[in-house]
N, C-alpha and C. Protein backbone atom coordinates (compact mmCIF):
# COMPACT_ATOMS: atom_id res chain seq x y z
N ASN A 1 -28.06 18.05 -14.80
CA ASN A 1 -27.43 17.12 -13.44
C ASN A 1 -26.13 17.06 -14.04
N SER A 2 -25.19 17.60 -13.21
CA SER A 2 -23.74 17.29 -13.33
C SER A 2 -23.13 16.27 -13.71
N ASN A 3 -23.78 15.20 -12.83
CA ASN A 3 -23.22 13.65 -12.79
C ASN A 3 -23.56 13.10 -14.31
N ALA A 4 -24.65 13.58 -14.89
CA ALA A 4 -24.86 12.69 -16.10
C ALA A 4 -24.16 13.33 -17.02
N ILE A 5 -23.70 14.71 -16.99
CA ILE A 5 -23.12 15.10 -17.82
C ILE A 5 -21.40 14.71 -18.09
N GLU A 6 -21.18 14.66 -16.66
CA GLU A 6 -19.81 14.22 -16.48
C GLU A 6 -19.67 12.70 -17.19
N ASN A 7 -20.82 11.78 -16.80
CA ASN A 7 -20.87 10.62 -18.00
C ASN A 7 -20.71 10.46 -19.25
N GLN A 8 -21.62 11.72 -19.64
CA GLN A 8 -21.22 11.77 -20.89
C GLN A 8 -20.10 12.11 -21.70
N ILE A 9 -19.32 13.17 -20.96
CA ILE A 9 -18.19 13.56 -21.42
C ILE A 9 -17.18 12.57 -21.42
N ARG A 10 -17.13 11.42 -20.35
CA ARG A 10 -16.41 10.31 -19.78
C ARG A 10 -16.45 9.26 -21.15
N TYR A 11 -17.87 8.91 -21.66
CA TYR A 11 -18.01 8.21 -22.86
C TYR A 11 -17.47 8.86 -23.81
N SER A 12 -17.59 10.05 -24.49
CA SER A 12 -17.32 10.73 -25.25
C SER A 12 -15.40 10.64 -25.40
N LEU A 13 -14.60 10.44 -24.13
CA LEU A 13 -13.23 10.23 -24.19
C LEU A 13 -13.31 9.01 -24.72
N ALA A 14 -13.84 8.05 -24.14
CA ALA A 14 -13.60 6.53 -24.50
C ALA A 14 -13.90 6.55 -25.82
N ARG A 15 -14.96 7.13 -26.67
CA ARG A 15 -14.78 7.01 -27.88
C ARG A 15 -13.96 7.54 -28.87
N ILE A 16 -13.52 8.68 -28.34
CA ILE A 16 -12.28 9.84 -29.10
C ILE A 16 -10.87 8.81 -29.04
N CYS A 17 -10.93 7.89 -27.59
CA CYS A 17 -9.57 7.03 -27.40
C CYS A 17 -9.75 5.81 -28.39
N VAL A 18 -10.69 5.20 -28.44
CA VAL A 18 -10.88 4.00 -29.07
C VAL A 18 -10.59 4.56 -30.79
N LEU A 19 -11.34 5.66 -31.12
CA LEU A 19 -10.77 5.81 -32.56
C LEU A 19 -9.16 6.38 -32.64
N SER A 20 -8.75 7.14 -31.77
CA SER A 20 -7.44 7.30 -31.90
C SER A 20 -6.47 6.17 -31.55
N ILE A 21 -6.62 5.47 -30.97
CA ILE A 21 -5.95 4.25 -31.00
C ILE A 21 -5.88 3.50 -31.77
N LEU A 22 -7.11 3.16 -32.72
CA LEU A 22 -7.19 2.39 -33.77
C LEU A 22 -6.66 3.17 -35.20
N HIS A 23 -6.83 4.49 -35.13
CA HIS A 23 -6.37 5.16 -36.29
C HIS A 23 -4.88 5.06 -36.33
N LYS A 24 -4.12 5.30 -35.12
CA LYS A 24 -2.45 5.16 -35.02
C LYS A 24 -2.23 3.95 -35.48
N GLU A 25 -2.85 2.80 -35.20
CA GLU A 25 -2.38 1.23 -35.07
C GLU A 25 -3.24 0.83 -36.48
N ASN A 26 -3.76 1.63 -37.32
CA ASN A 26 -4.69 0.97 -38.50
C ASN A 26 -3.74 -0.05 -39.05
N LYS A 27 -2.31 0.19 -39.52
CA LYS A 27 -1.51 -0.72 -40.30
C LYS A 27 -1.53 -1.76 -39.82
N HIS A 28 -1.60 -1.94 -38.72
CA HIS A 28 -1.87 -3.74 -38.11
C HIS A 28 -2.91 -4.43 -38.86
N ASN A 29 -2.99 -5.33 -39.75
CA ASN A 29 -3.82 -6.04 -40.14
C ASN A 29 -4.61 -6.92 -39.32
N HIS A 30 -4.31 -7.12 -38.11
CA HIS A 30 -5.07 -8.06 -37.14
C HIS A 30 -5.77 -7.32 -36.17
N GLY A 31 -5.70 -5.88 -36.02
CA GLY A 31 -6.33 -5.18 -35.46
C GLY A 31 -6.00 -5.44 -33.99
N PHE A 32 -7.09 -5.04 -32.93
CA PHE A 32 -6.61 -4.95 -31.50
C PHE A 32 -7.76 -5.84 -30.68
N SER A 33 -7.65 -6.15 -29.76
CA SER A 33 -8.45 -6.93 -28.75
C SER A 33 -9.16 -5.63 -27.92
N VAL A 34 -10.24 -5.76 -27.11
CA VAL A 34 -10.99 -4.83 -25.94
C VAL A 34 -9.62 -4.62 -25.40
N SER A 35 -8.93 -5.74 -24.83
CA SER A 35 -8.03 -5.66 -23.83
C SER A 35 -7.05 -4.96 -24.32
N GLU A 36 -6.55 -4.72 -25.33
CA GLU A 36 -5.14 -4.03 -25.92
C GLU A 36 -5.57 -2.40 -25.85
N ILE A 37 -6.98 -2.39 -26.48
CA ILE A 37 -7.46 -0.89 -26.58
C ILE A 37 -7.71 -0.35 -25.37
N PHE A 38 -8.18 -1.19 -24.26
CA PHE A 38 -8.22 -0.48 -22.80
C PHE A 38 -6.90 -0.14 -22.35
N LYS A 39 -6.08 -1.01 -22.24
CA LYS A 39 -4.58 -0.80 -21.73
C LYS A 39 -4.33 0.56 -22.26
N SER A 40 -4.03 0.57 -23.79
CA SER A 40 -3.67 1.64 -24.52
C SER A 40 -4.40 3.28 -24.35
N SER A 41 -5.59 3.02 -23.85
CA SER A 41 -6.26 3.95 -23.61
C SER A 41 -6.15 4.98 -22.30
N LYS A 42 -5.36 4.28 -21.08
CA LYS A 42 -5.40 4.48 -19.99
C LYS A 42 -6.42 5.11 -19.48
N LEU A 43 -7.54 4.80 -19.74
CA LEU A 43 -8.86 5.21 -19.09
C LEU A 43 -9.22 3.95 -17.90
N THR A 44 -10.22 4.40 -17.36
CA THR A 44 -10.64 3.35 -15.97
C THR A 44 -11.42 2.66 -15.97
N SER A 45 -12.20 2.86 -17.09
CA SER A 45 -13.53 1.77 -17.12
C SER A 45 -13.60 1.19 -18.41
N ARG A 46 -13.13 -0.30 -18.54
CA ARG A 46 -13.18 -0.71 -19.37
C ARG A 46 -14.68 -0.99 -19.93
N LYS A 47 -15.89 -1.07 -19.35
CA LYS A 47 -17.07 -0.90 -19.87
C LYS A 47 -17.48 0.32 -20.64
N LYS A 48 -16.74 1.22 -20.78
CA LYS A 48 -16.56 2.47 -21.47
C LYS A 48 -16.41 2.35 -22.57
N VAL A 49 -15.04 1.46 -22.69
CA VAL A 49 -14.05 1.20 -24.07
C VAL A 49 -14.81 0.11 -24.95
N PHE A 50 -15.53 -1.03 -24.02
CA PHE A 50 -16.10 -2.09 -24.78
C PHE A 50 -17.45 -1.51 -25.10
N GLU A 51 -18.33 -0.66 -24.42
CA GLU A 51 -19.42 -0.01 -25.24
C GLU A 51 -19.28 1.14 -26.50
N SER A 52 -18.04 1.66 -26.07
CA SER A 52 -17.93 2.58 -27.53
C SER A 52 -17.74 1.69 -28.69
N ILE A 53 -16.77 0.68 -28.41
CA ILE A 53 -16.47 -0.47 -29.66
C ILE A 53 -17.97 -0.71 -29.99
N ARG A 54 -18.81 -0.99 -29.51
CA ARG A 54 -19.95 -2.11 -29.71
C ARG A 54 -21.14 -0.69 -30.69
N GLU A 55 -20.72 0.41 -29.80
CA GLU A 55 -21.28 1.43 -30.59
C GLU A 55 -21.09 1.92 -31.84
N MET A 56 -19.73 1.74 -32.08
CA MET A 56 -19.07 2.06 -33.52
C MET A 56 -19.07 0.86 -34.28
N GLU A 57 -19.23 -0.15 -33.68
CA GLU A 57 -19.54 -1.43 -34.62
C GLU A 57 -20.78 -1.12 -35.36
N ILE A 58 -21.84 -0.90 -34.58
CA ILE A 58 -23.32 -0.68 -35.28
C ILE A 58 -23.61 0.48 -36.01
N SER A 59 -22.58 1.39 -35.94
CA SER A 59 -22.36 2.64 -36.77
C SER A 59 -21.71 2.28 -37.89
N GLY A 60 -20.79 1.24 -38.00
CA GLY A 60 -20.35 0.84 -38.98
C GLY A 60 -18.83 1.68 -39.24
N LEU A 61 -18.54 2.04 -37.95
CA LEU A 61 -16.85 2.47 -37.84
C LEU A 61 -15.90 1.80 -37.68
N VAL A 62 -16.09 0.53 -37.06
CA VAL A 62 -15.08 -0.44 -36.80
C VAL A 62 -15.61 -1.87 -37.27
N GLU A 63 -14.90 -2.60 -37.41
CA GLU A 63 -15.12 -4.10 -37.85
C GLU A 63 -14.41 -4.98 -36.98
N ARG A 64 -15.23 -6.20 -36.72
CA ARG A 64 -14.57 -7.01 -35.77
C ARG A 64 -13.97 -8.31 -36.80
N ASN A 65 -13.05 -8.74 -36.25
CA ASN A 65 -12.53 -9.79 -37.00
C ASN A 65 -12.19 -11.25 -35.95
N LYS A 66 -12.90 -12.17 -35.97
CA LYS A 66 -13.27 -13.01 -34.96
C LYS A 66 -12.36 -14.30 -35.83
N THR A 67 -11.46 -14.73 -35.25
CA THR A 67 -10.31 -15.87 -35.54
C THR A 67 -10.40 -17.04 -34.39
N GLY A 68 -10.97 -17.91 -34.28
CA GLY A 68 -10.75 -18.82 -32.95
C GLY A 68 -11.95 -18.22 -31.97
N ASN A 69 -11.04 -17.96 -30.74
CA ASN A 69 -11.80 -17.92 -29.87
C ASN A 69 -11.25 -16.07 -29.36
N ASN A 70 -10.58 -15.52 -30.32
CA ASN A 70 -10.03 -14.01 -30.18
C ASN A 70 -10.81 -13.46 -31.04
N THR A 71 -11.08 -12.28 -30.61
CA THR A 71 -11.89 -10.99 -31.39
C THR A 71 -11.02 -9.81 -31.46
N SER A 72 -10.76 -9.17 -32.48
CA SER A 72 -10.15 -8.17 -32.64
C SER A 72 -10.92 -7.14 -33.60
N TRP A 73 -10.29 -5.40 -33.27
CA TRP A 73 -11.24 -4.68 -34.03
C TRP A 73 -10.31 -4.04 -34.70
N ARG A 74 -10.75 -3.28 -35.69
CA ARG A 74 -10.18 -2.42 -36.59
C ARG A 74 -11.17 -1.41 -37.15
N LEU A 75 -10.59 -0.03 -37.61
CA LEU A 75 -11.36 0.61 -38.36
C LEU A 75 -11.78 0.43 -39.64
N SER A 76 -12.94 0.74 -39.82
CA SER A 76 -13.34 0.54 -40.94
C SER A 76 -13.06 1.74 -42.00
N LYS A 77 -13.28 1.82 -43.34
CA LYS A 77 -12.80 2.87 -44.11
C LYS A 77 -13.70 4.14 -43.76
N LYS A 78 -15.01 4.17 -43.04
CA LYS A 78 -15.74 4.77 -42.88
C LYS A 78 -15.35 5.48 -41.61
N GLY A 79 -14.36 4.73 -40.69
CA GLY A 79 -14.15 4.73 -39.29
C GLY A 79 -12.60 5.82 -39.27
N GLU A 80 -11.94 5.33 -40.48
CA GLU A 80 -10.83 5.95 -40.74
C GLU A 80 -10.81 6.98 -41.06
N GLU A 81 -12.09 7.64 -41.89
CA GLU A 81 -12.04 8.70 -42.46
C GLU A 81 -12.70 9.84 -41.38
N ILE A 82 -13.18 9.43 -40.39
CA ILE A 82 -13.90 10.32 -39.45
C ILE A 82 -12.46 10.40 -38.57
N ALA A 83 -11.56 9.09 -38.01
CA ALA A 83 -10.47 9.55 -37.01
C ALA A 83 -9.81 10.56 -37.51
N LYS A 84 -9.36 10.33 -38.79
CA LYS A 84 -8.46 11.61 -39.84
C LYS A 84 -8.77 13.07 -39.32
N GLU A 85 -10.19 12.97 -39.93
CA GLU A 85 -10.92 14.47 -39.40
C GLU A 85 -10.84 14.86 -38.04
N PHE A 86 -11.24 13.84 -37.09
CA PHE A 86 -11.27 14.02 -35.64
C PHE A 86 -9.87 14.56 -35.30
N HIS A 87 -8.43 13.65 -35.64
CA HIS A 87 -7.20 13.83 -35.18
C HIS A 87 -6.86 15.34 -35.57
N GLU A 88 -7.14 15.75 -36.72
CA GLU A 88 -6.74 17.21 -37.30
C GLU A 88 -7.58 18.16 -36.25
N ILE A 89 -8.76 18.05 -36.26
CA ILE A 89 -9.37 19.05 -35.35
C ILE A 89 -8.62 19.10 -33.90
N LEU A 90 -8.61 18.00 -33.31
CA LEU A 90 -7.87 17.70 -31.71
C LEU A 90 -6.66 18.25 -31.77
N ARG A 91 -5.90 18.03 -32.83
CA ARG A 91 -4.51 18.25 -32.78
C ARG A 91 -4.41 19.82 -32.74
N SER A 92 -5.35 20.60 -33.67
CA SER A 92 -5.08 21.62 -33.79
C SER A 92 -5.66 22.59 -32.15
N HIS A 93 -6.20 21.51 -31.18
CA HIS A 93 -6.59 22.34 -29.93
C HIS A 93 -5.59 22.18 -28.68
N PHE A 94 -4.58 21.16 -29.28
CA PHE A 94 -3.93 20.34 -28.20
C PHE A 94 -2.20 20.67 -28.56
N ARG A 95 -2.13 21.80 -29.33
CA ARG A 95 -0.87 22.00 -29.36
C ARG A 95 0.08 22.63 -28.35
């Protein structure tokens, strides 16, 4: 089914965007909110961004930081290693 494949590709893109955004900005100790990640991603589905973050949290790739009512996300050590690897692979394909 082409719709199912298209949806899988869109979720994959959301995951890659989240990894890339958090990798580029990992020097910020406070992390980024879902809204900040969504805005930076230029994607049209906030739901896909949020679900990608939740999957990555379950997998240990991102860490949640809750301060009062604010929640932010940043890459874990494991997430940073994967993001670096993906960044190198993707960079070689999109020069």
